[in-house]
Protein backbone atom coordinates (compact mmCIF):
# COMPACT_ATOMS: atom_id res chain seq x y z
CA MET A 1 212.53 -186.55 80.53
CA ASN A 2 212.61 -190.12 81.85
CA LEU A 3 209.91 -192.13 82.88
CA THR A 4 209.89 -192.52 86.51
CA PRO A 5 207.85 -194.63 89.35
CA ASP A 6 205.83 -191.15 90.07
CA ALA A 7 204.05 -191.24 87.13
CA GLY A 8 200.68 -190.71 86.92
CA GLY A 9 197.45 -189.23 84.89
CA VAL A 10 196.32 -189.97 81.77
CA PHE A 11 198.53 -191.44 79.10
CA PRO A 12 196.03 -192.39 75.93
CA ILE A 13 197.03 -194.95 73.72
CA ALA A 14 196.70 -193.23 70.19
CA PRO A 15 195.49 -194.97 67.17
CA THR A 16 197.60 -194.72 64.09
CA PRO A 17 195.47 -192.47 61.57
CA PHE A 18 195.34 -194.01 58.16
CA ASN A 19 193.55 -192.74 54.84
CA ALA A 20 191.61 -195.01 52.62
CA ASP A 21 194.61 -196.27 50.49
CA GLY A 22 196.66 -197.37 53.73
CA SER A 23 199.53 -194.94 53.96
CA ILE A 24 199.30 -193.26 57.50
CA ASP A 25 197.36 -189.58 57.43
CA TRP A 26 200.37 -187.08 58.93
CA THR A 27 197.97 -184.60 59.12
CA SER A 28 195.34 -186.49 61.28
CA THR A 29 198.30 -187.53 63.31
CA ASP A 30 199.34 -184.10 63.94
CA ARG A 31 195.81 -183.33 64.91
CA LEU A 32 195.78 -186.13 67.31
CA PHE A 33 198.62 -185.45 69.28
CA ASP A 34 197.37 -181.40 69.37
CA PHE A 35 194.15 -182.90 70.73
CA TYR A 36 195.73 -184.88 73.53
CA GLN A 37 197.77 -181.70 74.37
CA GLY A 38 195.28 -179.57 74.15
CA ILE A 39 192.97 -181.60 76.55
CA GLY A 40 195.78 -181.61 78.94
CA ALA A 41 196.69 -185.34 78.97
CA ASP A 42 199.58 -186.08 81.04
CA GLY A 43 201.71 -188.19 78.40
CA ILE A 44 201.03 -190.10 75.63
CA THR A 45 201.19 -193.49 74.42
CA VAL A 46 202.13 -194.51 70.94
CA LEU A 47 202.85 -197.97 68.51
CA GLY A 48 200.69 -200.03 71.14
CA ILE A 49 198.43 -203.08 70.30
CA MET A 50 195.50 -200.47 69.37
CA GLY A 51 197.86 -198.49 67.20
CA GLU A 52 198.30 -201.16 64.43
CA ALA A 53 202.40 -201.36 65.68
CA PRO A 54 202.70 -204.54 63.77
CA LYS A 55 201.30 -203.15 60.66
CA LEU A 56 204.09 -200.15 60.62
CA GLU A 57 207.01 -199.73 58.63
CA PRO A 58 210.41 -199.02 60.55
CA GLU A 59 210.43 -195.55 59.47
CA GLU A 60 206.71 -195.16 60.14
CA SER A 61 207.14 -195.50 63.63
CA VAL A 62 209.98 -193.41 64.00
CA GLY A 63 208.13 -190.79 62.20
CA ILE A 64 205.07 -191.22 64.50
CA VAL A 65 207.54 -190.58 67.70
CA LYS A 66 209.16 -188.19 66.10
CA ARG A 67 205.41 -186.38 65.69
CA ALA A 68 204.18 -186.99 69.21
CA ALA A 69 207.67 -185.49 70.58
CA ALA A 70 206.70 -182.20 68.21
CA ARG A 71 203.42 -181.74 69.19
CA MET A 72 203.57 -182.66 73.16
CA PRO A 73 206.56 -180.65 73.98
CA GLY A 74 207.17 -181.74 77.75
CA LYS A 75 204.95 -184.59 78.06
CA PRO A 76 206.30 -188.10 78.76
CA ILE A 77 206.05 -190.26 75.64
CA ILE A 78 205.76 -194.14 76.42
CA VAL A 79 206.74 -195.83 73.27
CA GLY A 80 205.17 -199.99 72.47
CA VAL A 81 208.59 -201.61 71.47
CA SER A 82 207.14 -205.49 71.57
CA ALA A 83 208.95 -207.63 68.98
CA PRO A 84 209.61 -210.98 67.80
CA GLY A 85 212.92 -210.61 68.36
CA PHE A 86 215.35 -208.65 70.87
CA ALA A 87 217.27 -207.05 68.04
CA ALA A 88 214.59 -205.39 66.56
CA MET A 89 213.66 -203.97 70.39
CA ARG A 90 216.90 -202.97 70.84
CA SER A 91 217.20 -201.32 67.72
CA LEU A 92 213.63 -199.06 67.96
CA ALA A 93 214.33 -198.62 71.78
CA ARG A 94 217.49 -196.87 71.79
CA GLN A 95 216.24 -194.78 68.35
CA VAL A 96 213.05 -193.72 70.53
CA MET A 97 214.59 -192.93 73.11
CA ASP A 98 217.16 -190.96 71.30
CA LEU A 99 214.22 -188.90 69.90
CA GLY A 100 213.15 -187.99 73.31
CA ALA A 101 210.66 -190.79 74.57
CA ALA A 102 210.42 -191.02 78.38
CA GLY A 103 210.25 -194.65 78.38
CA VAL A 104 209.32 -198.19 76.62
CA MET A 105 206.20 -200.52 76.96
CA ILE A 106 207.10 -204.24 76.52
CA ALA A 107 204.84 -207.11 76.12
CA PRO A 108 205.63 -210.55 76.63
CA PRO A 109 204.96 -212.92 73.87
CA SER A 110 202.22 -215.27 74.19
CA SER A 111 204.34 -218.41 74.24
CA LEU A 112 205.29 -217.81 77.97
CA ARG A 113 203.77 -220.06 80.20
CA THR A 114 205.67 -220.66 83.46
CA ASP A 115 206.66 -217.95 86.10
CA ASP A 116 210.40 -218.36 85.28
CA GLN A 117 209.69 -218.14 81.46
CA ILE A 118 208.31 -214.56 81.74
CA THR A 119 210.54 -213.34 84.31
CA GLY A 120 213.27 -214.72 82.34
CA TYR A 121 212.04 -213.09 79.07
CA TYR A 122 211.85 -209.71 80.83
CA ALA A 123 215.35 -209.82 82.17
CA GLN A 124 216.33 -210.77 78.65
CA ALA A 125 214.57 -207.57 77.27
CA VAL A 126 216.22 -205.06 79.65
CA GLU A 127 219.93 -207.08 78.95
CA ALA A 128 219.20 -206.13 75.13
CA ILE A 129 217.41 -202.87 75.03
CA GLY A 130 220.13 -201.42 78.37
CA THR A 131 219.52 -200.70 81.89
CA ASP A 132 219.62 -197.19 81.15
CA ILE A 133 216.01 -197.35 79.68
CA PRO A 134 212.88 -196.72 82.05
CA PHE A 135 210.18 -199.50 81.11
CA VAL A 136 206.49 -200.68 81.40
CA ILE A 137 205.14 -204.00 81.86
CA GLN A 138 202.39 -204.75 79.92
CA ASP A 139 200.28 -207.15 81.50
CA TYR A 140 197.42 -207.88 79.05
CA PRO A 141 196.30 -211.56 79.44
CA LEU A 142 193.06 -211.51 77.61
CA THR A 143 195.33 -210.67 74.22
CA LEU A 144 198.40 -211.67 74.87
CA SER A 145 197.47 -215.31 76.80
CA VAL A 146 200.39 -214.88 79.38
CA VAL A 147 199.07 -214.80 82.76
CA MET A 148 200.92 -212.67 85.54
CA THR A 149 200.31 -213.22 88.99
CA PRO A 150 201.23 -210.40 91.69
CA ALA A 151 204.22 -212.39 92.68
CA VAL A 152 205.59 -212.43 89.25
CA ILE A 153 205.10 -208.78 88.53
CA ARG A 154 206.95 -208.28 92.08
CA ARG A 155 209.88 -210.61 90.89
CA ILE A 156 210.08 -208.47 87.78
CA VAL A 157 210.05 -205.40 89.07
CA MET A 158 212.18 -206.31 92.12
CA ASP A 159 214.88 -207.99 89.70
CA ASN A 160 215.06 -204.86 87.14
CA PRO A 161 215.23 -201.58 88.82
CA SER A 162 214.83 -199.62 85.32
CA CYS A 163 210.78 -201.28 85.53
CA VAL A 164 208.96 -197.99 86.51
CA MET A 165 205.43 -198.80 85.73
CA LEU A 166 202.93 -201.72 85.11
CA LYS A 167 200.40 -201.22 82.36
CA HIS A 168 197.50 -203.40 84.07
CA GLU A 169 195.18 -204.75 81.99
CA ASP A 170 193.78 -208.11 83.61
CA TRP A 171 190.25 -208.78 83.81
CA PRO A 172 188.91 -208.91 86.51
CA GLY A 173 191.66 -207.41 87.95
CA LEU A 174 190.97 -205.23 91.11
CA GLU A 175 192.26 -207.32 93.69
CA LYS A 176 195.65 -207.63 91.57
CA ILE A 177 195.82 -204.07 92.41
CA SER A 178 195.51 -204.47 95.75
CA THR A 179 197.56 -207.13 96.15
CA LEU A 180 200.49 -205.33 94.65
CA ARG A 181 199.88 -202.12 96.75
CA LYS A 182 199.44 -204.64 99.74
CA PHE A 183 203.06 -205.78 98.90
CA GLU A 184 204.34 -202.04 98.62
CA ALA A 185 202.89 -201.36 101.72
CA GLU A 186 204.67 -204.31 103.56
CA GLY A 187 208.19 -203.32 101.82
CA SER A 188 208.26 -206.52 99.89
CA LEU A 189 207.81 -204.54 96.34
CA ARG A 190 209.66 -200.82 95.62
CA LYS A 191 207.07 -198.26 94.56
CA ILE A 192 206.06 -198.77 90.55
CA SER A 193 203.44 -196.74 88.85
CA ILE A 194 200.41 -198.61 87.67
CA VAL A 195 198.23 -197.31 85.00
CA THR A 196 195.40 -199.47 83.71
CA GLY A 197 193.87 -200.30 80.40
CA ASN A 198 190.97 -202.26 79.20
CA GLY A 199 189.69 -199.21 77.40
CA GLY A 200 189.15 -197.19 81.04
CA LEU A 201 185.80 -200.18 81.47
CA PHE A 202 187.16 -200.35 85.14
CA LEU A 203 188.43 -197.05 85.58
CA ASP A 204 186.22 -195.77 88.15
CA PHE A 205 187.00 -198.45 90.80
CA GLU A 206 190.75 -199.34 89.97
CA MET A 207 191.65 -195.73 91.06
CA GLU A 208 190.03 -196.83 94.34
CA ARG A 209 191.83 -199.57 94.54
CA GLY A 210 195.23 -197.88 94.05
CA ALA A 211 196.01 -197.27 90.48
CA ASP A 212 197.86 -194.18 89.34
CA GLY A 213 196.27 -193.29 86.53
CA ALA A 214 195.30 -194.91 82.91
CA ASN A 215 197.11 -195.74 80.08
CA THR A 216 194.53 -196.82 77.47
CA GLY A 217 192.46 -195.65 74.79
CA TYR A 218 188.59 -194.23 74.34
CA ALA A 219 187.11 -191.99 72.06
CA PHE A 220 186.48 -189.61 74.93
CA PRO A 221 189.91 -189.12 76.64
CA GLU A 222 188.84 -186.38 78.21
CA LEU A 223 186.64 -188.95 80.24
CA LEU A 224 189.46 -190.91 81.61
CA ILE A 225 190.83 -187.41 82.96
CA ASP A 226 187.92 -186.37 84.98
CA VAL A 227 187.60 -189.91 86.30
CA VAL A 228 191.43 -189.96 87.33
CA ARG A 229 191.13 -185.93 88.59
CA PHE A 230 187.77 -186.61 90.59
CA GLN A 231 189.16 -189.84 92.30
CA LYS A 232 192.33 -188.02 93.06
CA ALA A 233 190.43 -185.26 94.62
CA GLY A 234 188.48 -187.28 97.00
CA GLN A 235 185.15 -186.70 94.80
CA ARG A 236 183.79 -190.44 94.60
CA ASP A 237 180.51 -189.04 93.43
CA ALA A 238 181.36 -186.93 90.81
CA ALA A 239 183.54 -189.66 89.48
CA HIS A 240 181.45 -192.69 89.32
CA ASP A 241 178.35 -189.84 87.64
CA ILE A 242 180.55 -189.17 84.55
CA PHE A 243 181.76 -192.41 84.13
CA ASP A 244 178.50 -193.94 83.76
CA ALA A 245 177.27 -191.44 81.35
CA HIS A 246 180.10 -192.88 79.08
CA LEU A 247 179.77 -196.16 80.20
CA PRO A 248 177.17 -197.72 77.23
CA LEU A 249 179.83 -196.21 74.51
CA LEU A 250 182.81 -197.34 76.77
CA ARG A 251 181.35 -201.16 76.85
CA TYR A 252 180.43 -200.84 72.86
CA GLU A 253 183.84 -200.19 72.35
CA GLN A 254 185.60 -202.98 73.94
CA GLN A 255 183.95 -205.36 71.65
CA GLN A 256 186.69 -207.64 70.33
CA GLY A 257 187.82 -207.24 66.89
CA VAL A 258 185.64 -204.12 66.12
CA GLY A 259 186.37 -202.11 69.06
CA LEU A 260 188.95 -200.22 66.92
CA ALA A 261 187.04 -199.65 64.59
CA VAL A 262 184.36 -198.18 66.80
CA ARG A 263 187.21 -195.68 68.32
CA LYS A 264 188.01 -194.35 65.07
CA TYR A 265 184.66 -193.91 63.77
CA THR A 266 183.98 -191.70 66.89
CA LEU A 267 187.05 -189.77 66.62
CA MET A 268 186.47 -189.25 62.74
CA LYS A 269 182.71 -187.92 64.09
CA ARG A 270 184.54 -185.79 66.43
CA GLY A 271 186.43 -183.86 63.64
CA ILE A 272 189.79 -185.65 65.10
CA LEU A 273 190.43 -188.15 62.10
CA ALA A 274 189.67 -187.56 58.82
CA SER A 275 188.93 -191.16 58.15
CA ASP A 276 188.29 -194.47 60.45
CA ALA A 277 190.40 -196.53 57.89
CA GLN A 278 192.72 -199.13 59.27
CA ARG A 279 195.60 -200.60 57.81
CA LYS A 280 194.91 -204.28 56.22
CA PRO A 281 194.08 -206.63 57.86
CA GLY A 282 191.53 -204.90 59.78
CA ALA A 283 188.31 -205.08 60.85
CA ALA A 284 185.73 -202.43 59.32
CA LEU A 285 182.50 -201.20 61.29
CA SER A 286 178.98 -202.23 59.53
CA ALA A 287 176.60 -199.55 58.59
CA LYS A 288 174.25 -200.68 61.37
CA GLY A 289 177.34 -200.52 63.42
CA LYS A 290 177.76 -197.06 62.84
CA THR A 291 173.93 -196.20 63.30
CA GLU A 292 174.22 -197.78 66.73
CA VAL A 293 177.42 -195.75 67.69
CA ASP A 294 175.74 -192.52 66.34
CA TYR A 295 172.78 -193.67 68.72
CA LEU A 296 175.12 -193.54 71.51
CA LEU A 297 176.64 -190.51 70.66
CA ALA A 298 173.41 -188.77 70.60
CA ARG A 299 172.33 -190.10 74.36
CA LEU A 300 175.70 -189.83 75.77
CA ALA A 301 175.40 -185.55 74.55
CA LYS A 302 172.35 -185.13 76.77
CA HIS A 303 174.78 -185.42 79.52
CA ASP A 304 178.16 -184.30 78.31
CA PRO A 305 177.90 -181.60 75.54
CA ARG A 306 181.43 -182.72 74.47
CA ALA A 307 179.77 -185.50 72.95
CA ARG A 308 177.62 -183.49 70.21
CA VAL A 309 179.36 -184.38 67.10
C-alpha cells in the first residue's frame, strides 16, 4: 500500500513509549497502535520529531515500524527517515518499505538557506532512496529553521514525481495553503496531498483553506478526526465547536520544550501509555505543570466525555 497524492484524513504522529529506565515500552507501543486503529485513524506516522527518532537505535526504529504494521493492518504507515547523511536515510527507507510502510517523510537539514539549496537537497534525497519510494516533504520552519516558499515547494513537487504529500507546519501558514491550491487550480502544480501539523493548533481553518487532513500529534487525536470529518461534511460550526472545547489543552501542549512531556503525561492519564518518560535528554513536566494539565482535563470533560480520566 503506497502513499498517493489522494491521501487524506488523520495520520497521528506516534510518540515513542519509554520505560523509566529509558528502554522502549513495547507493551505500551502495541497499546498505542491499537488505540489509533480503534479510533479510526486513517494512517499513522512514526519516527517523527515528536517520536524522539534521533534517540533511537537503528534496530529500535525498525522494531517500531514492524509493530505499527502488525497492529494497524491495512492502514498506511508514514516513516520519518531524516538523517544527517543519505546513506543512513537510504538504508532506513528501503528497510521500512520492505516491512510494509506506505511512504517516508523527509525533513530538510537546518543548514539549508537558499531556494536552490533546498530543491537540490530533495533531488539528492530522492536519488539516494530511489524514485520508487513515495515521500512527504516536511515543512517545519519553526523548528528546522528552513523557510520554504510556495514556489519552492512547487519546484520540489514538479521536479520529483515521487513526492506525494506535503506536511505543512508553517506558522502562520494559512495563506501558504491557499497559494498552493491556487497553483494547482491554475495548472502549475500537480495534485498532492496537504496534511497539517503544529499539534492541530490551526486545523479548524486549515481544512477550510484546502488541507486534506492532519499529520500531527495531540493527546486526543479523536479531536483531529472529528474536525476533519465535520469539515469534509460541511458542518463548519460543529467542527469549530468541538475544536474550541479542546483549544486550551491544545494550546498548553504547544509549549516549546515541554510539549511532548504534556502529551505523554495526558496519554498516561488516559491509560494508553504506562509512563510519561522520555529518553534522555528530555524535558520533564513539573508537579505544578501536571496540576495545570489535570485542571484543563477536568474542564474539557465538561464538554467532551473522552477527557474523563
